[in-house]
Amino acid sequence: MPKQTSIPSLESLDPGTLLTQAQAAHYLGKSASWLEKDRQHGKHGISFHKIGHNVRYKVQDLLDFLNRSRRQFWRPDDEPYV
């Protein structure tokens, strides 16, 4: 049986760590092409670094994006849930 390796959570990584596009896509639950389209159109505003021909995403920038994207359902206590 092959040994399974666990992938650390995004929050456990150093905020300054640079991730590849594939790694960033994995942590966001998106495809690499989704990130490419976002870089071209800037719809979600995920910051990235271009180092030569390589694109890298800083862990802190991904965490910031996730926090900006967070939605929470809220309902006053006195309103019945239907």
PDB file of N, CA and C in Angstrom:
ATOM      1  N   MET A   1       0.854  -1.174   0.000  1.00  0.00           N
ATOM      2  CA  MET A   1       0.000   0.000   0.000  1.00  0.00           C
ATOM      3  C   MET A   1       0.901   1.239   0.000  1.00  0.00           C
ATOM      4  N   PRO A   2       0.661   2.180  -0.951  1.00  0.00           N
ATOM      5  CA  PRO A   2       1.511   3.371  -0.991  1.00  0.00           C
ATOM      6  C   PRO A   2       1.279   4.273   0.210  1.00  0.00           C
ATOM      7  N   LYS A   3       2.344   4.907   0.628  1.00  0.00           N
ATOM      8  CA  LYS A   3       2.266   5.815   1.771  1.00  0.00           C
ATOM      9  C   LYS A   3       1.554   7.101   1.355  1.00  0.00           C
ATOM     10  N   GLN A   4       0.563   7.498   2.146  1.00  0.00           N
ATOM     11  CA  GLN A   4      -0.149   8.736   1.870  1.00  0.00           C
ATOM     12  C   GLN A   4       0.570   9.887   2.553  1.00  0.00           C
ATOM     13  N   THR A   5       0.727  10.970   1.804  1.00  0.00           N
ATOM     14  CA  THR A   5       1.314  12.160   2.397  1.00  0.00           C
ATOM     15  C   THR A   5       0.208  13.170   2.602  1.00  0.00           C
ATOM     16  N   SER A   6       0.230  13.812   3.746  1.00  0.00           N
ATOM     17  CA  SER A   6      -0.801  14.804   4.019  1.00  0.00           C
ATOM     18  C   SER A   6      -0.329  16.164   3.519  1.00  0.00           C
ATOM     19  N   ILE A   7      -1.255  16.935   3.026  1.00  0.00           N
ATOM     20  CA  ILE A   7      -0.965  18.272   2.545  1.00  0.00           C
ATOM     21  C   ILE A   7      -1.307  19.237   3.675  1.00  0.00           C
ATOM     22  N   PRO A   8      -0.359  20.104   4.033  1.00  0.00           N
ATOM     23  CA  PRO A   8      -0.643  21.032   5.124  1.00  0.00           C
ATOM     24  C   PRO A   8      -1.734  22.018   4.742  1.00  0.00           C
ATOM     25  N   SER A   9      -2.458  22.501   5.728  1.00  0.00           N
ATOM     26  CA  SER A   9      -3.500  23.486   5.448  1.00  0.00           C
ATOM     27  C   SER A   9      -2.844  24.802   5.050  1.00  0.00           C
ATOM     28  N   LEU A  10      -3.575  25.605   4.309  1.00  0.00           N
ATOM     29  CA  LEU A  10      -3.063  26.890   3.860  1.00  0.00           C
ATOM     30  C   LEU A  10      -2.694  27.764   5.055  1.00  0.00           C
ATOM     31  N   GLU A  11      -3.510  27.714   6.101  1.00  0.00           N
ATOM     32  CA  GLU A  11      -3.269  28.527   7.290  1.00  0.00           C
ATOM     33  C   GLU A  11      -1.999  28.139   8.031  1.00  0.00           C
ATOM     34  N   SER A  12      -1.550  26.897   7.852  1.00  0.00           N
ATOM     35  CA  SER A  12      -0.358  26.445   8.574  1.00  0.00           C
ATOM     36  C   SER A  12       0.935  26.828   7.862  1.00  0.00           C
ATOM     37  N   LEU A  13       0.835  27.310   6.629  1.00  0.00           N
ATOM     38  CA  LEU A  13       2.027  27.705   5.878  1.00  0.00           C
ATOM     39  C   LEU A  13       2.461  29.114   6.267  1.00  0.00           C
ATOM     40  N   ASP A  14       3.746  29.393   6.109  1.00  0.00           N
ATOM     41  CA  ASP A  14       4.257  30.736   6.354  1.00  0.00           C
ATOM     42  C   ASP A  14       3.577  31.699   5.381  1.00  0.00           C
ATOM     43  N   PRO A  15       3.052  32.830   5.858  1.00  0.00           N
ATOM     44  CA  PRO A  15       2.324  33.760   4.999  1.00  0.00           C
ATOM     45  C   PRO A  15       3.140  34.281   3.812  1.00  0.00           C
ATOM     46  N   GLY A  16       4.466  34.270   3.933  1.00  0.00           N
ATOM     47  CA  GLY A  16       5.315  34.765   2.850  1.00  0.00           C
ATOM     48  C   GLY A  16       5.692  33.721   1.821  1.00  0.00           C
ATOM     49  N   THR A  17       5.278  32.491   2.028  1.00  0.00           N
ATOM     50  CA  THR A  17       5.612  31.412   1.100  1.00  0.00           C
ATOM     51  C   THR A  17       4.985  31.667  -0.261  1.00  0.00           C
ATOM     52  N   LEU A  18       5.769  31.441  -1.303  1.00  0.00           N
ATOM     53  CA  LEU A  18       5.258  31.574  -2.666  1.00  0.00           C
ATOM     54  C   LEU A  18       4.868  30.196  -3.189  1.00  0.00           C
ATOM     55  N   LEU A  19       3.659  30.101  -3.728  1.00  0.00           N
ATOM     56  CA  LEU A  19       3.137  28.844  -4.263  1.00  0.00           C
ATOM     57  C   LEU A  19       3.053  28.921  -5.785  1.00  0.00           C
ATOM     58  N   THR A  20       3.171  27.773  -6.422  1.00  0.00           N
ATOM     59  CA  THR A  20       2.971  27.716  -7.863  1.00  0.00           C
ATOM     60  C   THR A  20       1.487  27.891  -8.169  1.00  0.00           C
ATOM     61  N   GLN A  21       1.190  28.090  -9.432  1.00  0.00           N
ATOM     62  CA  GLN A  21      -0.209  28.214  -9.836  1.00  0.00           C
ATOM     63  C   GLN A  21      -0.990  26.952  -9.494  1.00  0.00           C
ATOM     64  N   ALA A  22      -0.386  25.789  -9.732  1.00  0.00           N
ATOM     65  CA  ALA A  22      -1.065  24.522  -9.434  1.00  0.00           C
ATOM     66  C   ALA A  22      -1.338  24.382  -7.940  1.00  0.00           C
ATOM     67  N   GLN A  23      -0.370  24.757  -7.111  1.00  0.00           N
ATOM     68  CA  GLN A  23      -0.560  24.676  -5.658  1.00  0.00           C
ATOM     69  C   GLN A  23      -1.648  25.649  -5.204  1.00  0.00           C
ATOM     70  N   ALA A  24      -1.605  26.876  -5.712  1.00  0.00           N
ATOM     71  CA  ALA A  24      -2.610  27.876  -5.340  1.00  0.00           C
ATOM     72  C   ALA A  24      -3.997  27.407  -5.753  1.00  0.00           C
ATOM     73  N   ALA A  25      -4.121  26.863  -6.958  1.00  0.00           N
ATOM     74  CA  ALA A  25      -5.412  26.368  -7.440  1.00  0.00           C
ATOM     75  C   ALA A  25      -5.926  25.258  -6.527  1.00  0.00           C
ATOM     76  N   HIS A  26      -5.037  24.379  -6.109  1.00  0.00           N
ATOM     77  CA  HIS A  26      -5.433  23.283  -5.221  1.00  0.00           C
ATOM     78  C   HIS A  26      -6.001  23.830  -3.909  1.00  0.00           C
ATOM     79  N   TYR A  27      -5.286  24.775  -3.297  1.00  0.00           N
ATOM     80  CA  TYR A  27      -5.736  25.319  -2.020  1.00  0.00           C
ATOM     81  C   TYR A  27      -7.047  26.090  -2.139  1.00  0.00           C
ATOM     82  N   LEU A  28      -7.276  26.715  -3.303  1.00  0.00           N
ATOM     83  CA  LEU A  28      -8.519  27.466  -3.496  1.00  0.00           C
ATOM     84  C   LEU A  28      -9.665  26.582  -3.984  1.00  0.00           C
ATOM     85  N   GLY A  29      -9.347  25.356  -4.375  1.00  0.00           N
ATOM     86  CA  GLY A  29     -10.379  24.470  -4.911  1.00  0.00           C
ATOM     87  C   GLY A  29     -10.820  24.887  -6.308  1.00  0.00           C
ATOM     88  N   LYS A  30      -9.912  25.507  -7.029  1.00  0.00           N
ATOM     89  CA  LYS A  30     -10.183  25.980  -8.386  1.00  0.00           C
ATOM     90  C   LYS A  30      -9.209  25.325  -9.348  1.00  0.00           C
ATOM     91  N   SER A  31      -9.410  25.562 -10.635  1.00  0.00           N
ATOM     92  CA  SER A  31      -8.489  25.032 -11.632  1.00  0.00           C
ATOM     93  C   SER A  31      -7.415  26.065 -11.943  1.00  0.00           C
ATOM     94  N   ALA A  32      -6.321  25.597 -12.520  1.00  0.00           N
ATOM     95  CA  ALA A  32      -5.254  26.508 -12.931  1.00  0.00           C
ATOM     96  C   ALA A  32      -5.773  27.487 -13.975  1.00  0.00           C
ATOM     97  N   SER A  33      -6.651  27.029 -14.858  1.00  0.00           N
ATOM     98  CA  SER A  33      -7.184  27.928 -15.890  1.00  0.00           C
ATOM     99  C   SER A  33      -8.056  29.020 -15.263  1.00  0.00           C
ATOM    100  N   TRP A  34      -8.729  28.727 -14.164  1.00  0.00           N
ATOM    101  CA  TRP A  34      -9.515  29.750 -13.463  1.00  0.00           C
ATOM    102  C   TRP A  34      -8.596  30.868 -12.976  1.00  0.00           C
ATOM    103  N   LEU A  35      -7.429  30.486 -12.422  1.00  0.00           N
ATOM    104  CA  LEU A  35      -6.470  31.482 -11.969  1.00  0.00           C
ATOM    105  C   LEU A  35      -5.909  32.278 -13.145  1.00  0.00           C
ATOM    106  N   GLU A  36      -5.646  31.613 -14.268  1.00  0.00           N
ATOM    107  CA  GLU A  36      -5.152  32.310 -15.458  1.00  0.00           C
ATOM    108  C   GLU A  36      -6.159  33.355 -15.922  1.00  0.00           C
ATOM    109  N   LYS A  37      -7.418  32.978 -15.973  1.00  0.00           N
ATOM    110  CA  LYS A  37      -8.464  33.916 -16.391  1.00  0.00           C
ATOM    111  C   LYS A  37      -8.564  35.081 -15.417  1.00  0.00           C
ATOM    112  N   ASP A  38      -8.410  34.797 -14.121  1.00  0.00           N
ATOM    113  CA  ASP A  38      -8.475  35.871 -13.141  1.00  0.00           C
ATOM    114  C   ASP A  38      -7.313  36.844 -13.326  1.00  0.00           C
ATOM    115  N   ARG A  39      -6.131  36.329 -13.656  1.00  0.00           N
ATOM    116  CA  ARG A  39      -4.990  37.219 -13.895  1.00  0.00           C
ATOM    117  C   ARG A  39      -5.251  38.108 -15.109  1.00  0.00           C
ATOM    118  N   GLN A  40      -5.886  37.558 -16.133  1.00  0.00           N
ATOM    119  CA  GLN A  40      -6.149  38.325 -17.355  1.00  0.00           C
ATOM    120  C   GLN A  40      -7.223  39.385 -17.151  1.00  0.00           C
ATOM    121  N   HIS A  41      -8.257  39.040 -16.411  1.00  0.00           N
ATOM    122  CA  HIS A  41      -9.410  39.929 -16.282  1.00  0.00           C
ATOM    123  C   HIS A  41      -9.495  40.643 -14.934  1.00  0.00           C
ATOM    124  N   GLY A  42      -8.788  40.143 -13.933  1.00  0.00           N
ATOM    125  CA  GLY A  42      -8.756  40.796 -12.631  1.00  0.00           C
ATOM    126  C   GLY A  42     -10.083  40.822 -11.897  1.00  0.00           C
ATOM    127  N   LYS A  43     -10.980  39.904 -12.226  1.00  0.00           N
ATOM    128  CA  LYS A  43     -12.320  39.908 -11.628  1.00  0.00           C
ATOM    129  C   LYS A  43     -12.287  39.737 -10.106  1.00  0.00           C
ATOM    130  N   HIS A  44     -11.433  38.855  -9.618  1.00  0.00           N
ATOM    131  CA  HIS A  44     -11.397  38.564  -8.186  1.00  0.00           C
ATOM    132  C   HIS A  44     -10.254  39.267  -7.471  1.00  0.00           C
ATOM    133  N   GLY A  45      -9.350  39.852  -8.205  1.00  0.00           N
ATOM    134  CA  GLY A  45      -8.275  40.639  -7.609  1.00  0.00           C
ATOM    135  C   GLY A  45      -7.294  39.861  -6.762  1.00  0.00           C
ATOM    136  N   ILE A  46      -6.982  38.638  -7.163  1.00  0.00           N
ATOM    137  CA  ILE A  46      -6.001  37.857  -6.423  1.00  0.00           C
ATOM    138  C   ILE A  46      -4.613  38.321  -6.861  1.00  0.00           C
ATOM    139  N   SER A  47      -3.839  38.833  -5.914  1.00  0.00           N
ATOM    140  CA  SER A  47      -2.490  39.300  -6.235  1.00  0.00           C
ATOM    141  C   SER A  47      -1.604  38.124  -6.601  1.00  0.00           C
ATOM    142  N   PHE A  48      -0.667  38.387  -7.506  1.00  0.00           N
ATOM    143  CA  PHE A  48       0.285  37.352  -7.910  1.00  0.00           C
ATOM    144  C   PHE A  48       1.619  38.010  -8.203  1.00  0.00           C
ATOM    145  N   HIS A  49       2.649  37.190  -8.272  1.00  0.00           N
ATOM    146  CA  HIS A  49       3.997  37.655  -8.573  1.00  0.00           C
ATOM    147  C   HIS A  49       4.438  37.005  -9.870  1.00  0.00           C
ATOM    148  N   LYS A  50       5.024  37.792 -10.747  1.00  0.00           N
ATOM    149  CA  LYS A  50       5.566  37.274 -11.998  1.00  0.00           C
ATOM    150  C   LYS A  50       7.083  37.305 -11.860  1.00  0.00           C
ATOM    151  N   ILE A  51       7.695  36.147 -11.847  1.00  0.00           N
ATOM    152  CA  ILE A  51       9.140  36.024 -11.700  1.00  0.00           C
ATOM    153  C   ILE A  51       9.659  35.352 -12.968  1.00  0.00           C
ATOM    154  N   GLY A  52      10.173  36.164 -13.871  1.00  0.00           N
ATOM    155  CA  GLY A  52      10.546  35.641 -15.181  1.00  0.00           C
ATOM    156  C   GLY A  52       9.291  35.182 -15.892  1.00  0.00           C
ATOM    157  N   HIS A  53       9.264  33.930 -16.296  1.00  0.00           N
ATOM    158  CA  HIS A  53       8.076  33.361 -16.938  1.00  0.00           C
ATOM    159  C   HIS A  53       7.170  32.655 -15.938  1.00  0.00           C
ATOM    160  N   ASN A  54       7.560  32.653 -14.681  1.00  0.00           N
ATOM    161  CA  ASN A  54       6.821  31.920 -13.657  1.00  0.00           C
ATOM    162  C   ASN A  54       5.863  32.825 -12.890  1.00  0.00           C
ATOM    163  N   VAL A  55       4.696  32.285 -12.594  1.00  0.00           N
ATOM    164  CA  VAL A  55       3.698  32.987 -11.788  1.00  0.00           C
ATOM    165  C   VAL A  55       3.667  32.323 -10.419  1.00  0.00           C
ATOM    166  N   ARG A  56       3.683  33.152  -9.378  1.00  0.00           N
ATOM    167  CA  ARG A  56       3.630  32.643  -8.015  1.00  0.00           C
ATOM    168  C   ARG A  56       2.579  33.418  -7.226  1.00  0.00           C
ATOM    169  N   TYR A  57       1.992  32.731  -6.267  1.00  0.00           N
ATOM    170  CA  TYR A  57       0.980  33.327  -5.393  1.00  0.00           C
ATOM    171  C   TYR A  57       1.470  33.245  -3.964  1.00  0.00           C
ATOM    172  N   LYS A  58       1.438  34.360  -3.253  1.00  0.00           N
ATOM    173  CA  LYS A  58       1.852  34.385  -1.857  1.00  0.00           C
ATOM    174  C   LYS A  58       0.701  33.853  -0.997  1.00  0.00           C
ATOM    175  N   VAL A  59       1.038  33.035  -0.025  1.00  0.00           N
ATOM    176  CA  VAL A  59       0.042  32.436   0.865  1.00  0.00           C
ATOM    177  C   VAL A  59      -0.853  33.518   1.467  1.00  0.00           C
ATOM    178  N   GLN A  60      -0.267  34.617   1.953  1.00  0.00           N
ATOM    179  CA  GLN A  60      -1.060  35.674   2.577  1.00  0.00           C
ATOM    180  C   GLN A  60      -2.068  36.265   1.598  1.00  0.00           C
ATOM    181  N   ASP A  61      -1.695  36.394   0.323  1.00  0.00           N
ATOM    182  CA  ASP A  61      -2.623  36.924  -0.682  1.00  0.00           C
ATOM    183  C   ASP A  61      -3.805  35.980  -0.903  1.00  0.00           C
ATOM    184  N   LEU A  62      -3.546  34.681  -0.848  1.00  0.00           N
ATOM    185  CA  LEU A  62      -4.638  33.711  -0.987  1.00  0.00           C
ATOM    186  C   LEU A  62      -5.557  33.755   0.235  1.00  0.00           C
ATOM    187  N   LEU A  63      -4.962  33.877   1.422  1.00  0.00           N
ATOM    188  CA  LEU A  63      -5.771  33.982   2.642  1.00  0.00           C
ATOM    189  C   LEU A  63      -6.614  35.259   2.618  1.00  0.00           C
ATOM    190  N   ASP A  64      -6.025  36.360   2.151  1.00  0.00           N
ATOM    191  CA  ASP A  64      -6.777  37.615   2.042  1.00  0.00           C
ATOM    192  C   ASP A  64      -7.945  37.463   1.083  1.00  0.00           C
ATOM    193  N   PHE A  65      -7.726  36.806  -0.043  1.00  0.00           N
ATOM    194  CA  PHE A  65      -8.795  36.568  -1.010  1.00  0.00           C
ATOM    195  C   PHE A  65      -9.912  35.743  -0.380  1.00  0.00           C
ATOM    196  N   LEU A  66      -9.548  34.691   0.319  1.00  0.00           N
ATOM    197  CA  LEU A  66     -10.559  33.841   0.954  1.00  0.00           C
ATOM    198  C   LEU A  66     -11.353  34.624   1.997  1.00  0.00           C
ATOM    199  N   ASN A  67     -10.688  35.473   2.750  1.00  0.00           N
ATOM    200  CA  ASN A  67     -11.394  36.281   3.756  1.00  0.00           C
ATOM    201  C   ASN A  67     -12.328  37.294   3.103  1.00  0.00           C
ATOM    202  N   ARG A  68     -11.895  37.899   1.984  1.00  0.00           N
ATOM    203  CA  ARG A  68     -12.763  38.845   1.268  1.00  0.00           C
ATOM    204  C   ARG A  68     -13.972  38.143   0.673  1.00  0.00           C
ATOM    205  N   SER A  69     -13.813  36.884   0.319  1.00  0.00           N
ATOM    206  CA  SER A  69     -14.876  36.124  -0.352  1.00  0.00           C
ATOM    207  C   SER A  69     -15.845  35.484   0.630  1.00  0.00           C
ATOM    208  N   ARG A  70     -15.551  35.568   1.896  1.00  0.00           N
ATOM    209  CA  ARG A  70     -16.364  34.897   2.925  1.00  0.00           C
ATOM    210  C   ARG A  70     -17.748  35.522   3.010  1.00  0.00           C
ATOM    211  N   ARG A  71     -18.739  34.683   3.016  1.00  0.00           N
ATOM    212  CA  ARG A  71     -20.128  35.114   3.182  1.00  0.00           C
ATOM    213  C   ARG A  71     -20.704  34.357   4.365  1.00  0.00           C
ATOM    214  N   GLN A  72     -21.525  35.040   5.124  1.00  0.00           N
ATOM    215  CA  GLN A  72     -22.124  34.405   6.288  1.00  0.00           C
ATOM    216  C   GLN A  72     -23.615  34.673   6.282  1.00  0.00           C
ATOM    217  N   PHE A  73     -24.371  33.630   6.469  1.00  0.00           N
ATOM    218  CA  PHE A  73     -25.819  33.766   6.565  1.00  0.00           C
ATOM    219  C   PHE A  73     -26.137  34.344   7.932  1.00  0.00           C
ATOM    220  N   TRP A  74     -26.946  35.377   7.950  1.00  0.00           N
ATOM    221  CA  TRP A  74     -27.315  36.001   9.214  1.00  0.00           C
ATOM    222  C   TRP A  74     -28.816  36.186   9.267  1.00  0.00           C
ATOM    223  N   ARG A  75     -29.384  35.898  10.414  1.00  0.00           N
ATOM    224  CA  ARG A  75     -30.815  36.056  10.617  1.00  0.00           C
ATOM    225  C   ARG A  75     -31.039  36.510  12.055  1.00  0.00           C
ATOM    226  N   PRO A  76     -31.808  37.569  12.258  1.00  0.00           N
ATOM    227  CA  PRO A  76     -32.095  37.988  13.626  1.00  0.00           C
ATOM    228  C   PRO A  76     -32.757  36.860  14.416  1.00  0.00           C
ATOM    229  N   ASP A  77     -32.462  36.786  15.679  1.00  0.00           N
ATOM    230  CA  ASP A  77     -32.990  35.707  16.525  1.00  0.00           C
ATOM    231  C   ASP A  77     -34.500  35.694  16.612  1.00  0.00           C
ATOM    232  N   ASP A  78     -35.138  36.868  16.476  1.00  0.00           N
ATOM    233  CA  ASP A  78     -36.594  36.886  16.655  1.00  0.00           C
ATOM    234  C   ASP A  78     -37.356  36.527  15.374  1.00  0.00           C
ATOM    235  N   GLU A  79     -36.664  36.374  14.247  1.00  0.00           N
ATOM    236  CA  GLU A  79     -37.362  35.978  13.017  1.00  0.00           C
ATOM    237  C   GLU A  79     -37.366  34.462  12.889  1.00  0.00           C
ATOM    238  N   PRO A  80     -38.502  33.896  12.604  1.00  0.00           N
ATOM    239  CA  PRO A  80     -38.540  32.420  12.436  1.00  0.00           C
ATOM    240  C   PRO A  80     -37.847  32.019  11.144  1.00  0.00           C
ATOM    241  N   TYR A  81     -37.184  30.897  11.207  1.00  0.00           N
ATOM    242  CA  TYR A  81     -36.545  30.349  10.021  1.00  0.00           C
ATOM    243  C   TYR A  81     -37.577  29.547   9.246  1.00  0.00           C
ATOM    244  N   VAL A  82     -37.809  29.902   8.015  1.00  0.00           N
ATOM    245  CA  VAL A  82     -38.823  29.211   7.209  1.00  0.00           C
ATOM    246  C   VAL A  82     -38.162  28.407   6.138  1.00  0.00           C
TER     247      VAL A  82
END
